[in-house]
Amino acid sequence: MHFCHSASLHFMAKVQLKNHRLSQRYVKRNKMKHELWLEGEEEQTFCLAGPHGDGARKLLSEKAKLVWSCEAESHFEAMQKYYQYMGWGEYTTDFPESDKKTYIELGWE
């Protein structure tokens, strides 16, 4: 019984280390990478890179193309950069207390 528990802990530690290394590829200096995907001329998806954006990217067709990316410390900062890139003017939010929280404050390391 002790061996199984020890093996299980070892396996969990390896999984945690792998997930940590994977997340390090998408988190740089407290910033997370975001991606802009285009499908045709009108449809687009702006989502987090890496595991946090997997759900959004699963909805993309095979024709979708990654056209731009940026790094941001919060949802608000990412949206500001996205609006600037698209030429849409200044991004504003009705939820500044949540949208301006950094990803680290939200526990997304």
C-alpha atoms as a PDB file:
ATOM      1  CA  MET A   1       0.000   0.000   0.000  1.00  0.00           C
ATOM      2  CA  HIS A   2       2.816   2.395   0.838  1.00  0.00           C
ATOM      3  CA  PHE A   3       4.475   1.707  -2.523  1.00  0.00           C
ATOM      4  CA  CYS A   4       1.287   2.564  -4.449  1.00  0.00           C
ATOM      5  CA  HIS A   5       0.907   5.818  -2.532  1.00  0.00           C
ATOM      6  CA  SER A   6       4.557   6.689  -3.145  1.00  0.00           C
ATOM      7  CA  ALA A   7       4.280   5.842  -6.853  1.00  0.00           C
ATOM      8  CA  SER A   8       1.108   7.894  -7.074  1.00  0.00           C
ATOM      9  CA  LEU A   9       2.815  10.905  -5.475  1.00  0.00           C
ATOM     10  CA  HIS A  10       5.767  10.508  -7.824  1.00  0.00           C
ATOM     11  CA  PHE A  11       3.423  10.421 -10.826  1.00  0.00           C
ATOM     12  CA  MET A  12       1.541  13.503  -9.577  1.00  0.00           C
ATOM     13  CA  ALA A  13       4.813  15.371  -9.094  1.00  0.00           C
ATOM     14  CA  LYS A  14       5.865  14.542 -12.665  1.00  0.00           C
ATOM     15  CA  VAL A  15       2.493  15.744 -14.010  1.00  0.00           C
ATOM     16  CA  GLN A  16       2.736  18.979 -12.013  1.00  0.00           C
ATOM     17  CA  LEU A  17       6.272  19.583 -13.278  1.00  0.00           C
ATOM     18  CA  LYS A  18       5.176  18.943 -16.879  1.00  0.00           C
ATOM     19  CA  ASN A  19       2.211  21.333 -16.485  1.00  0.00           C
ATOM     20  CA  HIS A  20       4.496  23.945 -14.922  1.00  0.00           C
ATOM     21  CA  ARG A  21       6.958  23.685 -17.813  1.00  0.00           C
ATOM     22  CA  LEU A  22       4.086  23.830 -20.312  1.00  0.00           C
ATOM     23  CA  SER A  23       2.605  26.931 -18.691  1.00  0.00           C
ATOM     24  CA  GLN A  24       6.051  28.583 -18.641  1.00  0.00           C
ATOM     25  CA  ARG A  25       5.952  28.567 -22.455  1.00  0.00           C
ATOM     26  CA  TYR A  26       2.872  30.806 -22.382  1.00  0.00           C
ATOM     27  CA  VAL A  27       3.670  32.938 -19.322  1.00  0.00           C
ATOM     28  CA  LYS A  28       6.591  35.351 -19.531  1.00  0.00           C
ATOM     29  CA  ARG A  29       7.475  37.826 -16.827  1.00  0.00           C
ATOM     30  CA  ASN A  30       3.982  37.667 -15.296  1.00  0.00           C
ATOM     31  CA  LYS A  31       2.383  38.105 -18.729  1.00  0.00           C
ATOM     32  CA  MET A  32       0.317  35.639 -20.690  1.00  0.00           C
ATOM     33  CA  LYS A  33       0.390  35.224 -24.437  1.00  0.00           C
ATOM     34  CA  HIS A  34      -2.811  35.918 -26.402  1.00  0.00           C
ATOM     35  CA  GLU A  35      -3.546  34.956 -30.006  1.00  0.00           C
ATOM     36  CA  LEU A  36      -5.726  36.385 -32.761  1.00  0.00           C
ATOM     37  CA  TRP A  37      -7.106  33.800 -35.167  1.00  0.00           C
ATOM     38  CA  LEU A  38      -8.943  34.670 -38.386  1.00  0.00           C
ATOM     39  CA  GLU A  39     -11.489  32.521 -40.208  1.00  0.00           C
ATOM     40  CA  GLY A  40     -12.514  34.075 -43.489  1.00  0.00           C
ATOM     41  CA  GLU A  41     -12.887  37.835 -43.679  1.00  0.00           C
ATOM     42  CA  GLU A  42     -15.334  38.430 -40.823  1.00  0.00           C
ATOM     43  CA  GLU A  43     -14.837  35.768 -38.165  1.00  0.00           C
ATOM     44  CA  GLN A  44     -12.097  36.061 -35.590  1.00  0.00           C
ATOM     45  CA  THR A  45     -11.154  34.648 -32.219  1.00  0.00           C
ATOM     46  CA  PHE A  46      -8.932  36.389 -29.689  1.00  0.00           C
ATOM     47  CA  CYS A  47      -7.952  33.972 -26.941  1.00  0.00           C
ATOM     48  CA  LEU A  48      -5.218  32.927 -24.576  1.00  0.00           C
ATOM     49  CA  ALA A  49      -2.398  30.842 -25.966  1.00  0.00           C
ATOM     50  CA  GLY A  50      -1.604  27.483 -24.436  1.00  0.00           C
ATOM     51  CA  PRO A  51      -3.875  25.377 -22.236  1.00  0.00           C
ATOM     52  CA  HIS A  52      -6.057  28.311 -21.122  1.00  0.00           C
ATOM     53  CA  GLY A  53      -7.153  28.877 -24.736  1.00  0.00           C
ATOM     54  CA  ASP A  54      -7.644  25.254 -25.742  1.00  0.00           C
ATOM     55  CA  GLY A  55     -11.438  25.451 -25.466  1.00  0.00           C
ATOM     56  CA  ALA A  56     -11.658  28.483 -27.758  1.00  0.00           C
ATOM     57  CA  ARG A  57      -9.272  27.052 -30.332  1.00  0.00           C
ATOM     58  CA  LYS A  58     -11.237  23.782 -30.467  1.00  0.00           C
ATOM     59  CA  LEU A  59     -14.106  25.788 -31.958  1.00  0.00           C
ATOM     60  CA  LEU A  60     -11.954  27.037 -34.842  1.00  0.00           C
ATOM     61  CA  SER A  61     -12.195  25.488 -38.287  1.00  0.00           C
ATOM     62  CA  GLU A  62      -9.190  23.967 -39.994  1.00  0.00           C
ATOM     63  CA  LYS A  63      -9.029  27.082 -42.195  1.00  0.00           C
ATOM     64  CA  ALA A  64      -8.344  29.397 -39.236  1.00  0.00           C
ATOM     65  CA  LYS A  65      -5.009  31.196 -39.302  1.00  0.00           C
ATOM     66  CA  LEU A  66      -3.002  32.676 -36.466  1.00  0.00           C
ATOM     67  CA  VAL A  67      -2.339  36.259 -37.585  1.00  0.00           C
ATOM     68  CA  TRP A  68      -1.152  38.125 -34.471  1.00  0.00           C
ATOM     69  CA  SER A  69      -0.194  37.610 -30.839  1.00  0.00           C
ATOM     70  CA  CYS A  70       0.659  39.744 -27.839  1.00  0.00           C
ATOM     71  CA  GLU A  71       1.537  39.396 -24.166  1.00  0.00           C
ATOM     72  CA  ALA A  72      -0.455  41.012 -21.384  1.00  0.00           C
ATOM     73  CA  GLU A  73      -0.680  40.953 -17.584  1.00  0.00           C
ATOM     74  CA  SER A  74      -4.503  41.120 -17.536  1.00  0.00           C
ATOM     75  CA  HIS A  75      -7.591  40.699 -19.667  1.00  0.00           C
ATOM     76  CA  PHE A  76      -7.920  44.488 -19.805  1.00  0.00           C
ATOM     77  CA  GLU A  77      -4.360  44.988 -21.073  1.00  0.00           C
ATOM     78  CA  ALA A  78      -4.838  42.257 -23.688  1.00  0.00           C
ATOM     79  CA  MET A  79      -8.036  43.881 -24.934  1.00  0.00           C
ATOM     80  CA  GLN A  80      -6.362  47.305 -25.105  1.00  0.00           C
ATOM     81  CA  LYS A  81      -3.636  45.838 -27.319  1.00  0.00           C
ATOM     82  CA  TYR A  82      -6.201  43.979 -29.424  1.00  0.00           C
ATOM     83  CA  TYR A  83      -8.277  47.131 -29.992  1.00  0.00           C
ATOM     84  CA  GLN A  84      -5.138  49.078 -30.882  1.00  0.00           C
ATOM     85  CA  TYR A  85      -4.061  46.377 -33.364  1.00  0.00           C
ATOM     86  CA  MET A  86      -7.530  46.332 -34.970  1.00  0.00           C
ATOM     87  CA  GLY A  87      -7.737  50.159 -35.104  1.00  0.00           C
ATOM     88  CA  TRP A  88     -10.952  50.231 -33.076  1.00  0.00           C
ATOM     89  CA  GLY A  89      -9.982  53.040 -30.716  1.00  0.00           C
ATOM     90  CA  GLU A  90      -9.726  52.798 -26.943  1.00  0.00           C
ATOM     91  CA  TYR A  91     -10.990  49.700 -25.158  1.00  0.00           C
ATOM     92  CA  THR A  92     -13.246  50.293 -22.166  1.00  0.00           C
ATOM     93  CA  THR A  93     -14.941  47.891 -19.793  1.00  0.00           C
ATOM     94  CA  ASP A  94     -18.008  47.849 -17.575  1.00  0.00           C
ATOM     95  CA  PHE A  95     -16.149  45.548 -15.160  1.00  0.00           C
ATOM     96  CA  PRO A  96     -12.809  47.244 -14.363  1.00  0.00           C
ATOM     97  CA  GLU A  97     -12.500  45.659 -10.915  1.00  0.00           C
ATOM     98  CA  SER A  98     -12.325  42.177 -12.449  1.00  0.00           C
ATOM     99  CA  ASP A  99     -10.960  42.873 -15.944  1.00  0.00           C
ATOM    100  CA  LYS A 100      -7.948  44.782 -14.616  1.00  0.00           C
ATOM    101  CA  LYS A 101      -6.894  42.045 -12.174  1.00  0.00           C
ATOM    102  CA  THR A 102      -3.643  40.520 -13.272  1.00  0.00           C
ATOM    103  CA  TYR A 103      -3.564  36.869 -14.236  1.00  0.00           C
ATOM    104  CA  ILE A 104      -1.354  36.262 -11.215  1.00  0.00           C
ATOM    105  CA  GLU A 105      -4.006  37.828  -8.952  1.00  0.00           C
ATOM    106  CA  LEU A 106      -6.470  35.420 -10.515  1.00  0.00           C
ATOM    107  CA  GLY A 107      -4.137  32.501  -9.783  1.00  0.00           C
ATOM    108  CA  TRP A 108      -3.254  31.841 -13.431  1.00  0.00           C
ATOM    109  CA  GLU A 109       0.458  31.159 -13.240  1.00  0.00           C
END
